[in-house]
Amino acid sequence: MVRHGENRRRSPWLISRLLLAFLGMAVAGVSVSAANRAINFAAPATAPAGSKVAITITASTDAGAGEKIGFFHAEYSVDGGIAWAPISYAQNEEAPAKHGIICTAGTAGSTIKVRARIAFRGGKAGDVDFTGKPIAWETSWAKWQAPPTKTASIAILAK
């Protein structure tokens, strides 16, 4: 009888230890699998007509396990998206990767558009976008849709 009572007293201790071990594994799993992938633009929101405009795009990942910037495709348009010019079509870069351009703003009322699509490759997650989802090569990637594309606009104001 005494032995049975001793087991009962240990039971809550055992349950709490098992619960702590389980929570520890869950937390460890989240921190290992959750990666921070990002695409950031550094550009003004507005610019005077005819001025020089600096645009910088940075892609980063902390996923580790060999994950790199597999593709860093970025373009800009000074006519609101009618015609696009390259900023970067780089491949297999270490993170963080940064590309930029200085362009000339058009007339007042026009817009400079910038778009970037990054494929993170070579890591445990496979080919993923900045949200960590698999790249849809034939659909969203091919059509510059978001994700994997991020965009920014710069409004051109009168001088």
N, C-alpha and C. Protein backbone atom coordinates (compact mmCIF):
# COMPACT_ATOMS: atom_id res chain seq x y z
N MET A 1 0.81 -1.19 0.00
CA MET A 1 0.00 0.00 0.00
C MET A 1 0.86 1.27 0.00
N VAL A 2 1.86 1.27 0.82
CA VAL A 2 2.72 2.44 0.90
C VAL A 2 3.38 2.68 -0.46
N ARG A 3 3.77 1.65 -1.08
CA ARG A 3 4.42 1.77 -2.37
C ARG A 3 3.48 2.38 -3.41
N HIS A 4 2.23 1.98 -3.37
CA HIS A 4 1.26 2.52 -4.31
C HIS A 4 1.11 4.04 -4.11
N GLY A 5 1.05 4.49 -2.89
CA GLY A 5 0.96 5.91 -2.59
C GLY A 5 2.19 6.68 -3.05
N GLU A 6 3.37 6.08 -2.95
CA GLU A 6 4.59 6.73 -3.40
C GLU A 6 4.56 6.95 -4.90
N ASN A 7 4.05 5.99 -5.63
CA ASN A 7 3.95 6.14 -7.08
C ASN A 7 3.02 7.28 -7.45
N ARG A 8 1.97 7.43 -6.69
CA ARG A 8 1.04 8.53 -6.97
C ARG A 8 1.71 9.88 -6.74
N ARG A 9 2.52 9.98 -5.70
CA ARG A 9 3.20 11.23 -5.43
C ARG A 9 4.20 11.55 -6.53
N ARG A 10 4.80 10.57 -7.11
CA ARG A 10 5.77 10.78 -8.18
C ARG A 10 5.08 11.06 -9.52
N SER A 11 3.89 10.61 -9.67
CA SER A 11 3.19 10.75 -10.94
C SER A 11 3.08 12.21 -11.41
N PRO A 12 2.68 13.17 -10.56
CA PRO A 12 2.64 14.56 -11.04
C PRO A 12 4.02 15.06 -11.44
N TRP A 13 5.05 14.67 -10.69
CA TRP A 13 6.41 15.05 -11.04
C TRP A 13 6.79 14.50 -12.39
N LEU A 14 6.49 13.23 -12.64
CA LEU A 14 6.81 12.59 -13.92
C LEU A 14 6.05 13.27 -15.06
N ILE A 15 4.79 13.56 -14.85
CA ILE A 15 3.98 14.23 -15.88
C ILE A 15 4.55 15.62 -16.19
N SER A 16 4.91 16.35 -15.15
CA SER A 16 5.45 17.69 -15.39
C SER A 16 6.78 17.62 -16.14
N ARG A 17 7.63 16.64 -15.82
CA ARG A 17 8.91 16.47 -16.53
C ARG A 17 8.66 16.12 -17.99
N LEU A 18 7.72 15.23 -18.24
CA LEU A 18 7.40 14.86 -19.62
C LEU A 18 6.84 16.04 -20.39
N LEU A 19 5.98 16.81 -19.73
CA LEU A 19 5.40 18.00 -20.37
C LEU A 19 6.49 19.01 -20.70
N LEU A 20 7.41 19.24 -19.78
CA LEU A 20 8.52 20.17 -20.04
C LEU A 20 9.40 19.67 -21.19
N ALA A 21 9.65 18.38 -21.22
CA ALA A 21 10.47 17.82 -22.31
C ALA A 21 9.76 18.00 -23.65
N PHE A 22 8.46 17.75 -23.67
CA PHE A 22 7.69 17.91 -24.90
C PHE A 22 7.69 19.36 -25.36
N LEU A 23 7.47 20.28 -24.43
CA LEU A 23 7.49 21.70 -24.79
C LEU A 23 8.86 22.12 -25.28
N GLY A 24 9.91 21.61 -24.67
CA GLY A 24 11.26 21.92 -25.12
C GLY A 24 11.51 21.45 -26.53
N MET A 25 11.03 20.25 -26.86
CA MET A 25 11.19 19.76 -28.23
C MET A 25 10.38 20.60 -29.21
N ALA A 26 9.19 21.01 -28.82
CA ALA A 26 8.35 21.82 -29.71
C ALA A 26 9.00 23.17 -29.97
N VAL A 27 9.52 23.80 -28.92
CA VAL A 27 10.19 25.09 -29.09
C VAL A 27 11.43 24.93 -29.94
N ALA A 28 12.20 23.90 -29.70
CA ALA A 28 13.41 23.66 -30.50
C ALA A 28 13.05 23.44 -31.95
N GLY A 29 11.97 22.71 -32.20
CA GLY A 29 11.55 22.47 -33.58
C GLY A 29 11.14 23.75 -34.28
N VAL A 30 10.47 24.63 -33.58
CA VAL A 30 10.04 25.88 -34.20
C VAL A 30 11.26 26.75 -34.51
N SER A 31 12.20 26.84 -33.58
CA SER A 31 13.32 27.72 -33.81
C SER A 31 14.24 27.19 -34.91
N VAL A 32 14.30 25.88 -35.09
CA VAL A 32 15.14 25.32 -36.13
C VAL A 32 14.49 25.49 -37.50
N SER A 33 13.18 25.27 -37.59
CA SER A 33 12.54 25.29 -38.90
C SER A 33 12.08 26.68 -39.33
N ALA A 34 11.86 27.60 -38.41
CA ALA A 34 11.40 28.93 -38.78
C ALA A 34 12.60 29.78 -39.20
N ALA A 35 12.58 30.22 -40.44
CA ALA A 35 13.66 31.04 -40.96
C ALA A 35 13.13 32.43 -41.28
N ASN A 36 13.99 33.40 -41.15
CA ASN A 36 13.64 34.77 -41.53
C ASN A 36 14.20 35.04 -42.91
N ARG A 37 13.30 35.17 -43.87
CA ARG A 37 13.68 35.52 -45.24
C ARG A 37 13.02 36.86 -45.54
N ALA A 38 13.76 37.74 -46.20
CA ALA A 38 13.20 39.07 -46.42
C ALA A 38 13.70 39.68 -47.73
N ILE A 39 12.86 40.55 -48.28
CA ILE A 39 13.22 41.40 -49.40
C ILE A 39 12.89 42.82 -48.94
N ASN A 40 13.89 43.69 -48.93
CA ASN A 40 13.68 45.07 -48.48
C ASN A 40 14.10 46.06 -49.55
N PHE A 41 13.31 47.12 -49.67
CA PHE A 41 13.60 48.20 -50.61
C PHE A 41 14.06 49.43 -49.82
N ALA A 42 15.08 50.09 -50.31
CA ALA A 42 15.49 51.38 -49.78
C ALA A 42 15.35 52.36 -50.94
N ALA A 43 14.32 53.18 -50.87
CA ALA A 43 14.02 54.15 -51.92
C ALA A 43 13.09 55.20 -51.33
N PRO A 44 13.12 56.39 -51.86
CA PRO A 44 12.20 57.42 -51.36
C PRO A 44 10.76 57.13 -51.80
N ALA A 45 9.80 57.61 -51.05
CA ALA A 45 8.40 57.46 -51.43
C ALA A 45 8.03 58.41 -52.56
N THR A 46 8.72 59.57 -52.59
CA THR A 46 8.49 60.56 -53.64
C THR A 46 9.85 61.11 -54.09
N ALA A 47 9.84 61.69 -55.28
CA ALA A 47 11.06 62.30 -55.82
C ALA A 47 10.66 63.45 -56.75
N PRO A 48 11.46 64.51 -56.82
CA PRO A 48 11.17 65.61 -57.74
C PRO A 48 11.39 65.18 -59.20
N ALA A 49 10.62 65.72 -60.09
CA ALA A 49 10.75 65.43 -61.52
C ALA A 49 12.17 65.72 -61.97
N GLY A 50 12.73 64.81 -62.76
CA GLY A 50 14.06 64.99 -63.32
C GLY A 50 15.22 64.72 -62.37
N SER A 51 14.93 64.38 -61.13
CA SER A 51 16.01 64.15 -60.14
C SER A 51 16.57 62.73 -60.27
N LYS A 52 17.75 62.55 -59.69
CA LYS A 52 18.36 61.22 -59.60
C LYS A 52 17.75 60.51 -58.39
N VAL A 53 17.37 59.25 -58.60
CA VAL A 53 16.72 58.47 -57.54
C VAL A 53 17.53 57.20 -57.31
N ALA A 54 17.97 57.01 -56.08
CA ALA A 54 18.72 55.81 -55.70
C ALA A 54 17.75 54.76 -55.16
N ILE A 55 17.86 53.55 -55.68
CA ILE A 55 17.01 52.43 -55.26
C ILE A 55 17.94 51.27 -54.92
N THR A 56 17.77 50.71 -53.73
CA THR A 56 18.56 49.56 -53.31
C THR A 56 17.61 48.48 -52.82
N ILE A 57 17.87 47.25 -53.24
CA ILE A 57 17.07 46.10 -52.83
C ILE A 57 18.00 45.11 -52.14
N THR A 58 17.57 44.64 -50.97
CA THR A 58 18.36 43.68 -50.20
C THR A 58 17.53 42.43 -49.96
N ALA A 59 18.14 41.27 -50.17
CA ALA A 59 17.51 39.99 -49.86
C ALA A 59 18.34 39.30 -48.79
N SER A 60 17.66 38.72 -47.81
CA SER A 60 18.39 38.06 -46.73
C SER A 60 17.67 36.80 -46.28
N THR A 61 18.44 35.90 -45.70
CA THR A 61 17.91 34.68 -45.08
C THR A 61 18.84 34.26 -43.96
N ASP A 62 18.25 33.74 -42.91
CA ASP A 62 19.05 33.17 -41.83
C ASP A 62 18.78 31.68 -41.68
N ALA A 63 18.25 31.06 -42.75
CA ALA A 63 17.86 29.65 -42.69
C ALA A 63 19.04 28.71 -42.47
N GLY A 64 20.22 29.11 -42.92
CA GLY A 64 21.39 28.24 -42.76
C GLY A 64 21.27 27.00 -43.64
N ALA A 65 21.97 25.96 -43.29
CA ALA A 65 21.95 24.67 -44.00
C ALA A 65 22.21 24.81 -45.49
N GLY A 66 23.03 25.80 -45.86
CA GLY A 66 23.39 25.97 -47.26
C GLY A 66 22.43 26.81 -48.08
N GLU A 67 21.38 27.37 -47.45
CA GLU A 67 20.43 28.18 -48.21
C GLU A 67 21.10 29.46 -48.69
N LYS A 68 20.92 29.75 -49.98
CA LYS A 68 21.47 30.94 -50.61
C LYS A 68 20.37 31.69 -51.35
N ILE A 69 20.75 32.82 -51.90
CA ILE A 69 19.87 33.56 -52.79
C ILE A 69 20.07 32.90 -54.16
N GLY A 70 19.19 31.99 -54.52
CA GLY A 70 19.34 31.26 -55.78
C GLY A 70 19.14 32.15 -56.98
N PHE A 71 18.11 32.98 -56.92
CA PHE A 71 17.84 33.95 -57.97
C PHE A 71 17.50 35.28 -57.32
N PHE A 72 18.10 36.35 -57.80
CA PHE A 72 17.82 37.71 -57.34
C PHE A 72 17.48 38.49 -58.59
N HIS A 73 16.19 38.53 -58.91
CA HIS A 73 15.73 39.23 -60.11
C HIS A 73 15.05 40.52 -59.67
N ALA A 74 15.52 41.65 -60.19
CA ALA A 74 14.94 42.94 -59.86
C ALA A 74 14.94 43.82 -61.10
N GLU A 75 13.87 44.58 -61.25
CA GLU A 75 13.71 45.49 -62.39
C GLU A 75 13.08 46.79 -61.92
N TYR A 76 13.22 47.82 -62.76
CA TYR A 76 12.56 49.09 -62.46
C TYR A 76 11.97 49.66 -63.74
N SER A 77 10.99 50.54 -63.57
CA SER A 77 10.33 51.19 -64.68
C SER A 77 10.14 52.66 -64.34
N VAL A 78 10.54 53.55 -65.24
CA VAL A 78 10.36 54.98 -65.01
C VAL A 78 9.08 55.50 -65.67
N ASP A 79 8.35 54.60 -66.32
CA ASP A 79 7.11 55.02 -66.99
C ASP A 79 5.88 54.31 -66.43
N GLY A 80 5.92 54.01 -65.15
CA GLY A 80 4.76 53.42 -64.49
C GLY A 80 4.52 51.95 -64.79
N GLY A 81 5.49 51.27 -65.34
CA GLY A 81 5.36 49.83 -65.58
C GLY A 81 5.14 49.43 -67.02
N ILE A 82 5.25 50.38 -67.96
CA ILE A 82 5.10 50.04 -69.38
C ILE A 82 6.33 49.30 -69.87
N ALA A 83 7.49 49.85 -69.59
CA ALA A 83 8.75 49.21 -69.99
C ALA A 83 9.60 48.99 -68.74
N TRP A 84 10.29 47.86 -68.67
CA TRP A 84 11.09 47.51 -67.51
C TRP A 84 12.57 47.40 -67.90
N ALA A 85 13.43 47.83 -67.00
CA ALA A 85 14.89 47.73 -67.19
C ALA A 85 15.47 46.93 -66.03
N PRO A 86 16.54 46.18 -66.28
CA PRO A 86 17.09 45.33 -65.21
C PRO A 86 17.86 46.10 -64.15
N ILE A 87 17.74 45.63 -62.94
CA ILE A 87 18.61 46.03 -61.84
C ILE A 87 19.56 44.87 -61.57
N SER A 88 19.00 43.66 -61.54
CA SER A 88 19.80 42.48 -61.27
C SER A 88 19.12 41.23 -61.80
N TYR A 89 19.91 40.33 -62.35
CA TYR A 89 19.46 38.97 -62.68
C TYR A 89 20.51 38.00 -62.13
N ALA A 90 20.93 38.25 -60.90
CA ALA A 90 22.00 37.49 -60.27
C ALA A 90 21.52 36.10 -59.83
N GLN A 91 22.49 35.19 -59.72
CA GLN A 91 22.21 33.82 -59.28
C GLN A 91 23.23 33.39 -58.24
N ASN A 92 22.78 32.52 -57.35
CA ASN A 92 23.63 31.85 -56.36
C ASN A 92 24.52 32.81 -55.57
N GLU A 93 23.88 33.71 -54.86
CA GLU A 93 24.60 34.67 -54.03
C GLU A 93 24.46 34.31 -52.55
N GLU A 94 25.49 34.64 -51.81
CA GLU A 94 25.42 34.48 -50.35
C GLU A 94 24.49 35.55 -49.80
N ALA A 95 23.85 35.25 -48.69
CA ALA A 95 22.97 36.21 -48.04
C ALA A 95 23.74 36.98 -46.98
N PRO A 96 23.46 38.24 -46.79
CA PRO A 96 22.53 39.05 -47.55
C PRO A 96 23.12 39.48 -48.90
N ALA A 97 22.24 39.67 -49.85
CA ALA A 97 22.64 40.15 -51.18
C ALA A 97 21.98 41.50 -51.41
N LYS A 98 22.72 42.40 -52.05
CA LYS A 98 22.21 43.77 -52.26
C LYS A 98 22.52 44.22 -53.67
N HIS A 99 21.51 44.79 -54.33
CA HIS A 99 21.67 45.34 -55.67
C HIS A 99 20.92 46.66 -55.74
N GLY A 100 21.43 47.57 -56.54
CA GLY A 100 20.78 48.86 -56.64
C GLY A 100 21.06 49.55 -57.95
N ILE A 101 20.41 50.67 -58.11
CA ILE A 101 20.54 51.46 -59.33
C ILE A 101 20.23 52.92 -58.99
N ILE A 102 20.75 53.81 -59.78
CA ILE A 102 20.36 55.21 -59.73
C ILE A 102 19.73 55.53 -61.07
N CYS A 103 18.49 55.97 -61.02
CA CYS A 103 17.79 56.30 -62.26
C CYS A 103 17.30 57.74 -62.21
N THR A 104 16.83 58.24 -63.33
CA THR A 104 16.33 59.60 -63.41
C THR A 104 14.81 59.59 -63.40
N ALA A 105 14.24 60.36 -62.49
CA ALA A 105 12.78 60.45 -62.39
C ALA A 105 12.21 61.11 -63.64
N GLY A 106 11.03 60.68 -64.01
CA GLY A 106 10.35 61.26 -65.17
C GLY A 106 9.66 62.57 -64.83
N THR A 107 8.58 62.83 -65.52
CA THR A 107 7.84 64.07 -65.33
C THR A 107 6.92 63.98 -64.12
N ALA A 108 6.52 65.15 -63.62
CA ALA A 108 5.60 65.21 -62.48
C ALA A 108 4.33 64.42 -62.82
N GLY A 109 3.87 63.65 -61.86
CA GLY A 109 2.68 62.83 -62.05
C GLY A 109 2.99 61.41 -62.50
N SER A 110 4.22 61.16 -62.92
CA SER A 110 4.59 59.80 -63.32
C SER A 110 5.00 59.00 -62.08
N THR A 111 5.30 57.73 -62.29
CA THR A 111 5.67 56.84 -61.19
C THR A 111 6.85 55.97 -61.60
N ILE A 112 7.79 55.82 -60.68
CA ILE A 112 8.84 54.82 -60.85
C ILE A 112 8.36 53.58 -60.11
N LYS A 113 8.37 52.45 -60.77
CA LYS A 113 7.99 51.19 -60.14
C LYS A 113 9.22 50.31 -60.04
N VAL A 114 9.28 49.56 -58.96
CA VAL A 114 10.38 48.64 -58.72
C VAL A 114 9.76 47.29 -58.33
N ARG A 115 10.34 46.22 -58.86
CA ARG A 115 9.87 44.89 -58.48
C ARG A 115 11.06 43.97 -58.32
N ALA A 116 10.94 43.08 -57.35
CA ALA A 116 12.01 42.11 -57.08
C ALA A 116 11.38 40.77 -56.74
N ARG A 117 11.99 39.73 -57.25
CA ARG A 117 11.57 38.37 -56.89
C ARG A 117 12.84 37.60 -56.56
N ILE A 118 12.77 36.94 -55.42
CA ILE A 118 13.93 36.22 -54.91
C ILE A 118 13.53 34.77 -54.70
N ALA A 119 14.36 33.86 -55.18
CA ALA A 119 14.18 32.44 -54.89
C ALA A 119 15.30 32.03 -53.94
N PHE A 120 14.93 31.58 -52.78
CA PHE A 120 15.88 31.08 -51.81
C PHE A 120 16.05 29.59 -52.10
N ARG A 121 17.31 29.15 -52.31
CA ARG A 121 17.56 27.78 -52.76
C ARG A 121 18.71 27.14 -51.99
N GLY A 122 18.74 25.82 -52.08
CA GLY A 122 19.88 25.06 -51.58
C GLY A 122 19.80 24.66 -50.12
N GLY A 123 18.79 25.10 -49.40
CA GLY A 123 18.65 24.74 -48.00
C GLY A 123 17.68 23.58 -47.81
N LYS A 124 17.35 23.31 -46.58
CA LYS A 124 16.45 22.21 -46.25
C LYS A 124 15.04 22.43 -46.79
N ALA A 125 14.62 23.69 -46.95
CA ALA A 125 13.26 23.99 -47.38
C ALA A 125 13.07 23.84 -48.89
N GLY A 126 14.14 23.70 -49.65
CA GLY A 126 14.04 23.62 -51.11
C GLY A 126 13.94 25.01 -51.71
N ASP A 127 13.31 25.12 -52.86
CA ASP A 127 13.15 26.41 -53.54
C ASP A 127 11.93 27.13 -52.95
N VAL A 128 12.17 28.19 -52.18
CA VAL A 128 11.08 28.88 -51.51
C VAL A 128 11.15 30.38 -51.76
N ASP A 129 10.01 31.06 -51.54
CA ASP A 129 9.96 32.52 -51.65
C ASP A 129 10.20 33.12 -50.26
N PHE A 130 10.03 34.43 -50.14
CA PHE A 130 10.31 35.10 -48.87
C PHE A 130 9.34 34.71 -47.76
N THR A 131 8.21 34.10 -48.10
CA THR A 131 7.27 33.64 -47.06
C THR A 131 7.57 32.22 -46.63
N GLY A 132 8.53 31.56 -47.31
CA GLY A 132 8.87 30.18 -46.99
C GLY A 132 8.06 29.15 -47.76
N LYS A 133 7.20 29.62 -48.67
CA LYS A 133 6.38 28.70 -49.46
C LYS A 133 7.13 28.30 -50.73
N PRO A 134 6.85 27.08 -51.21
CA PRO A 134 7.53 26.62 -52.44
C PRO A 134 7.29 27.58 -53.61
N ILE A 135 8.30 27.76 -54.43
CA ILE A 135 8.18 28.61 -55.62
C ILE A 135 7.28 27.93 -56.64
N ALA A 136 6.31 28.67 -57.15
CA ALA A 136 5.45 28.19 -58.24
C ALA A 136 6.06 28.72 -59.54
N TRP A 137 7.03 27.97 -60.06
CA TRP A 137 7.83 28.43 -61.19
C TRP A 137 6.98 28.79 -62.41
N GLU A 138 5.98 28.02 -62.72
CA GLU A 138 5.20 28.23 -63.94
C GLU A 138 4.11 29.30 -63.80
N THR A 139 3.76 29.66 -62.58
CA THR A 139 2.66 30.63 -62.42
C THR A 139 3.17 31.94 -61.83
N SER A 140 3.21 32.04 -60.50
CA SER A 140 3.54 33.32 -59.87
C SER A 140 4.94 33.82 -60.23
N TRP A 141 5.93 32.92 -60.31
CA TRP A 141 7.29 33.35 -60.65
C TRP A 141 7.33 33.90 -62.07
N ALA A 142 6.79 33.18 -63.01
CA ALA A 142 6.84 33.58 -64.42
C ALA A 142 6.08 34.88 -64.68
N LYS A 143 5.07 35.15 -63.88
CA LYS A 143 4.22 36.33 -64.12
C LYS A 143 4.48 37.49 -63.16
N TRP A 144 5.58 37.42 -62.41
CA TRP A 144 5.92 38.48 -61.45
C TRP A 144 4.78 38.75 -60.49
N GLN A 145 4.17 37.70 -59.96
CA GLN A 145 3.09 37.87 -59.00
C GLN A 145 3.63 37.80 -57.58
N ALA A 146 2.85 38.30 -56.63
CA ALA A 146 3.29 38.30 -55.24
C ALA A 146 2.59 37.20 -54.45
N PRO A 147 3.29 36.46 -53.57
CA PRO A 147 4.71 36.24 -53.66
C PRO A 147 5.04 35.36 -54.86
N PRO A 148 6.23 35.33 -55.32
CA PRO A 148 7.49 35.71 -54.71
C PRO A 148 7.90 37.15 -54.96
N THR A 149 7.09 37.92 -55.70
CA THR A 149 7.49 39.29 -56.03
C THR A 149 7.04 40.28 -54.98
N LYS A 150 7.92 41.24 -54.69
CA LYS A 150 7.56 42.41 -53.89
C LYS A 150 7.74 43.62 -54.78
N THR A 151 6.91 44.63 -54.59
CA THR A 151 6.96 45.83 -55.42
C THR A 151 7.00 47.09 -54.55
N ALA A 152 7.45 48.16 -55.18
CA ALA A 152 7.45 49.49 -54.55
C ALA A 152 7.19 50.52 -55.65
N SER A 153 6.62 51.64 -55.26
CA SER A 153 6.35 52.74 -56.19
C SER A 153 6.89 54.05 -55.63
N ILE A 154 7.41 54.88 -56.52
CA ILE A 154 7.93 56.19 -56.14
C ILE A 154 7.15 57.21 -56.96
N ALA A 155 6.40 58.06 -56.30
CA ALA A 155 5.60 59.09 -56.97
C ALA A 155 6.51 60.26 -57.34
N ILE A 156 6.39 60.71 -58.58
CA ILE A 156 7.21 61.83 -59.06
C ILE A 156 6.41 63.12 -58.93
N LEU A 157 7.01 64.07 -58.20
CA LEU A 157 6.36 65.34 -57.92
C LEU A 157 6.99 66.46 -58.74
N ALA A 158 6.28 67.58 -58.83
CA ALA A 158 6.83 68.75 -59.50
C ALA A 158 8.05 69.25 -58.73
N LYS A 159 8.99 69.87 -59.44
CA LYS A 159 10.21 70.37 -58.80
C LYS A 159 9.91 71.43 -57.78
